[in-house]
C-alpha atoms as a PDB file:
ATOM      1  CA  UNK A   1      -2.946  23.808  13.549  1.00  0.00           C
ATOM      2  CA  UNK A   2      -5.646  23.328  15.643  1.00  0.00           C
ATOM      3  CA  UNK A   3      -6.954  20.077  17.081  1.00  0.00           C
ATOM      4  CA  UNK A   4     -10.056  19.698  15.372  1.00  0.00           C
ATOM      5  CA  UNK A   5      -8.311  19.374  11.519  1.00  0.00           C
ATOM      6  CA  UNK A   6      -5.634  17.723  12.606  1.00  0.00           C
ATOM      7  CA  UNK A   7      -6.397  15.366  15.640  1.00  0.00           C
ATOM      8  CA  UNK A   8      -3.296  13.608  17.693  1.00  0.00           C
ATOM      9  CA  UNK A   9      -3.306   9.782  16.723  1.00  0.00           C
ATOM     10  CA  UNK A  10      -4.802   7.103  18.713  1.00  0.00           C
ATOM     11  CA  UNK A  11      -3.339   3.957  19.240  1.00  0.00           C
ATOM     12  CA  UNK A  12      -5.977   2.999  16.507  1.00  0.00           C
ATOM     13  CA  UNK A  13      -4.986   5.354  14.461  1.00  0.00           C
ATOM     14  CA  UNK A  14      -1.094   4.969  14.621  1.00  0.00           C
ATOM     15  CA  UNK A  15      -1.854   1.457  14.201  1.00  0.00           C
ATOM     16  CA  UNK A  16      -3.360   1.940  10.550  1.00  0.00           C
ATOM     17  CA  UNK A  17      -0.431   4.291   9.532  1.00  0.00           C
ATOM     18  CA  UNK A  18       2.000   1.731  10.301  1.00  0.00           C
ATOM     19  CA  UNK A  19       0.109  -1.059   8.721  1.00  0.00           C
ATOM     20  CA  UNK A  20      -0.280   0.688   5.730  1.00  0.00           C
ATOM     21  CA  UNK A  21       3.220   1.796   5.532  1.00  0.00           C
ATOM     22  CA  UNK A  22       4.501  -1.548   6.104  1.00  0.00           C
ATOM     23  CA  UNK A  23       2.297  -2.974   3.454  1.00  0.00           C
ATOM     24  CA  UNK A  24       3.392  -0.218   1.149  1.00  0.00           C
ATOM     25  CA  UNK A  25       6.866  -1.149   1.783  1.00  0.00           C
ATOM     26  CA  UNK A  26       6.514  -4.334   1.187  1.00  0.00           C
ATOM     27  CA  UNK A  27       4.730  -3.897  -1.879  1.00  0.00           C
ATOM     28  CA  UNK A  28       8.076  -2.023  -2.980  1.00  0.00           C
ATOM     29  CA  UNK A  29      10.291  -4.877  -1.466  1.00  0.00           C
ATOM     30  CA  UNK A  30       8.494  -7.494  -3.215  1.00  0.00           C
ATOM     31  CA  UNK A  31       7.778  -5.919  -6.845  1.00  0.00           C
ATOM     32  CA  UNK A  32      11.727  -5.027  -6.902  1.00  0.00           C
ATOM     33  CA  UNK A  33      12.588  -8.587  -5.900  1.00  0.00           C
ATOM     34  CA  UNK A  34      10.057 -10.419  -8.064  1.00  0.00           C
ATOM     35  CA  UNK A  35      11.148  -8.317 -11.270  1.00  0.00           C
ATOM     36  CA  UNK A  36      14.806  -9.100 -10.638  1.00  0.00           C
ATOM     37  CA  UNK A  37      15.658 -12.338  -8.772  1.00  0.00           C
ATOM     38  CA  UNK A  38      13.066 -13.897  -7.693  1.00  0.00           C
ATOM     39  CA  UNK A  39      10.892 -14.678 -11.079  1.00  0.00           C
ATOM     40  CA  UNK A  40      11.804 -12.171 -13.355  1.00  0.00           C
ATOM     41  CA  UNK A  41       9.819 -12.029 -16.837  1.00  0.00           C
ATOM     42  CA  UNK A  42      13.786 -12.409 -18.670  1.00  0.00           C
ATOM     43  CA  UNK A  43      16.572 -13.871 -17.076  1.00  0.00           C
ATOM     44  CA  UNK A  44      18.801 -11.449 -15.544  1.00  0.00           C
ATOM     45  CA  UNK A  45      15.966  -9.071 -14.898  1.00  0.00           C
ATOM     46  CA  UNK A  46      13.612  -7.054 -16.842  1.00  0.00           C
ATOM     47  CA  UNK A  47      12.474  -3.603 -16.789  1.00  0.00           C
ATOM     48  CA  UNK A  48       9.050  -4.037 -15.382  1.00  0.00           C
ATOM     49  CA  UNK A  49      10.531  -3.649 -11.729  1.00  0.00           C
ATOM     50  CA  UNK A  50      10.018  -0.128 -12.841  1.00  0.00           C
ATOM     51  CA  UNK A  51       6.744  -0.541 -12.085  1.00  0.00           C
ATOM     52  CA  UNK A  52       8.076  -0.058  -8.223  1.00  0.00           C
ATOM     53  CA  UNK A  53       8.925   3.552  -8.872  1.00  0.00           C
ATOM     54  CA  UNK A  54       5.149   4.839  -8.460  1.00  0.00           C
ATOM     55  CA  UNK A  55       4.571   2.936  -4.906  1.00  0.00           C
ATOM     56  CA  UNK A  56       7.671   5.440  -3.648  1.00  0.00           C
ATOM     57  CA  UNK A  57       5.897   8.547  -4.154  1.00  0.00           C
ATOM     58  CA  UNK A  58       3.295   8.255  -1.266  1.00  0.00           C
ATOM     59  CA  UNK A  59       5.544   6.584   1.143  1.00  0.00           C
ATOM     60  CA  UNK A  60       6.327  10.158   2.290  1.00  0.00           C
ATOM     61  CA  UNK A  61       3.073  11.316   2.515  1.00  0.00           C
ATOM     62  CA  UNK A  62       1.615   8.429   4.832  1.00  0.00           C
ATOM     63  CA  UNK A  63       4.542   9.219   7.236  1.00  0.00           C
ATOM     64  CA  UNK A  64       3.371  12.633   7.234  1.00  0.00           C
ATOM     65  CA  UNK A  65      -0.589  11.607   7.761  1.00  0.00           C
ATOM     66  CA  UNK A  66      -1.823  13.343   4.582  1.00  0.00           C
ATOM     67  CA  UNK A  67      -4.781  12.467   4.570  1.00  0.00           C
ATOM     68  CA  UNK A  68      -5.115  13.171   0.556  1.00  0.00           C
ATOM     69  CA  UNK A  69      -2.335  10.434   0.586  1.00  0.00           C
ATOM     70  CA  UNK A  70      -3.999   7.862   1.825  1.00  0.00           C
ATOM     71  CA  UNK A  71      -7.049   8.268  -0.126  1.00  0.00           C
ATOM     72  CA  UNK A  72      -5.519   8.375  -3.389  1.00  0.00           C
ATOM     73  CA  UNK A  73      -3.592   5.076  -2.447  1.00  0.00           C
ATOM     74  CA  UNK A  74      -6.544   3.310  -1.534  1.00  0.00           C
ATOM     75  CA  UNK A  75      -7.648   3.893  -5.371  1.00  0.00           C
ATOM     76  CA  UNK A  76      -3.978   3.180  -6.629  1.00  0.00           C
ATOM     77  CA  UNK A  77      -3.348   0.323  -4.688  1.00  0.00           C
ATOM     78  CA  UNK A  78      -6.426  -1.484  -7.134  1.00  0.00           C
ATOM     79  CA  UNK A  79      -4.122  -1.542 -10.235  1.00  0.00           C
ATOM     80  CA  UNK A  80      -1.405  -3.604  -8.112  1.00  0.00           C
ATOM     81  CA  UNK A  81      -4.304  -5.639  -6.943  1.00  0.00           C
ATOM     82  CA  UNK A  82      -5.779  -6.463 -10.875  1.00  0.00           C
ATOM     83  CA  UNK A  83      -1.714  -7.178 -11.821  1.00  0.00           C
ATOM     84  CA  UNK A  84      -1.451  -9.797  -9.197  1.00  0.00           C
ATOM     85  CA  UNK A  85      -4.700 -11.572  -9.734  1.00  0.00           C
ATOM     86  CA  UNK A  86      -3.355 -11.851 -13.264  1.00  0.00           C
ATOM     87  CA  UNK A  87      -0.422 -13.034 -12.788  1.00  0.00           C
ATOM     88  CA  UNK A  88      -1.962 -15.379  -9.906  1.00  0.00           C
ATOM     89  CA  UNK A  89      -4.096 -16.936 -12.618  1.00  0.00           C
ATOM     90  CA  UNK A  90      -1.826 -16.656 -15.583  1.00  0.00           C
ATOM     91  CA  UNK A  91       1.831 -17.126 -14.021  1.00  0.00           C
ATOM     92  CA  UNK A  92       3.731 -20.752 -13.275  1.00  0.00           C
ATOM     93  CA  UNK A  93       5.311 -20.851  -9.472  1.00  0.00           C
ATOM     94  CA  UNK A  94       7.182 -19.140  -8.095  1.00  0.00           C
ATOM     95  CA  UNK A  95       5.215 -16.594 -10.259  1.00  0.00           C
ATOM     96  CA  UNK A  96       1.909 -17.529  -8.670  1.00  0.00           C
ATOM     97  CA  UNK A  97       3.118 -17.680  -5.044  1.00  0.00           C
ATOM     98  CA  UNK A  98       4.704 -14.122  -5.762  1.00  0.00           C
ATOM     99  CA  UNK A  99       1.333 -12.915  -6.782  1.00  0.00           C
ATOM    100  CA  UNK A 100      -0.523 -14.402  -3.854  1.00  0.00           C
ATOM    101  CA  UNK A 101       1.613 -12.360  -1.888  1.00  0.00           C
ATOM    102  CA  UNK A 102       1.109  -8.909  -3.962  1.00  0.00           C
ATOM    103  CA  UNK A 103      -3.085  -9.516  -3.434  1.00  0.00           C
ATOM    104  CA  UNK A 104      -2.666 -10.266   0.395  1.00  0.00           C
ATOM    105  CA  UNK A 105      -0.341  -6.941   0.496  1.00  0.00           C
ATOM    106  CA  UNK A 106      -3.075  -4.853  -1.693  1.00  0.00           C
ATOM    107  CA  UNK A 107      -5.958  -6.033   0.216  1.00  0.00           C
ATOM    108  CA  UNK A 108      -3.762  -5.045   3.501  1.00  0.00           C
ATOM    109  CA  UNK A 109      -2.743  -1.732   1.749  1.00  0.00           C
ATOM    110  CA  UNK A 110      -6.485  -1.020   1.157  1.00  0.00           C
ATOM    111  CA  UNK A 111      -8.341  -2.258   4.312  1.00  0.00           C
ATOM    112  CA  UNK A 112      -5.353   0.068   6.605  1.00  0.00           C
ATOM    113  CA  UNK A 113      -5.541   3.488   4.685  1.00  0.00           C
ATOM    114  CA  UNK A 114      -9.760   2.710   4.339  1.00  0.00           C
ATOM    115  CA  UNK A 115      -9.715   2.527   8.347  1.00  0.00           C
ATOM    116  CA  UNK A 116      -7.160   5.189   8.903  1.00  0.00           C
ATOM    117  CA  UNK A 117      -9.320   7.571   6.884  1.00  0.00           C
ATOM    118  CA  UNK A 118     -12.077   6.734   8.593  1.00  0.00           C
ATOM    119  CA  UNK A 119     -10.562   6.468  12.260  1.00  0.00           C
ATOM    120  CA  UNK A 120      -9.051  10.038  11.418  1.00  0.00           C
ATOM    121  CA  UNK A 121     -12.522  11.742  10.525  1.00  0.00           C
ATOM    122  CA  UNK A 122     -14.820  10.357  13.405  1.00  0.00           C
ATOM    123  CA  UNK A 123     -11.554  11.666  15.772  1.00  0.00           C
ATOM    124  CA  UNK A 124     -12.491  15.436  13.542  1.00  0.00           C
ATOM    125  CA  UNK A 125     -16.338  14.971  14.586  1.00  0.00           C
ATOM    126  CA  UNK A 126     -15.568  13.913  17.805  1.00  0.00           C
ATOM    127  CA  UNK A 127     -13.060  16.552  18.690  1.00  0.00           C
ATOM    128  CA  UNK A 128     -15.515  19.127  16.907  1.00  0.00           C
ATOM    129  CA  UNK A 129     -18.558  18.279  19.052  1.00  0.00           C
END
């Protein structure tokens, strides 16, 4: 591939990549721990833990720097953000605190994905010029 379609990552692009991967892994761990141990809806855990499975799908795409993955993850993350807002509003502690952590991780993931896409597009434009 030529450098215009796949520019080498700068330190800022690499930082957004690792921020996106880290926040996605944080969301996966949080959702599993939340629904199995920390504050499950039912004692002993609930089937709601399966909501973490869709978060595992984009992990490989983020690690492989697939631009399409960064774009769709920045949209899908709003579903988890919405769940966090609803549960922060309706749950009692500790579920409320876990929901606030989920909201923060979602916002971090969105910002990281959006910045990653923007920086890579900017690098591609400069490589063409």
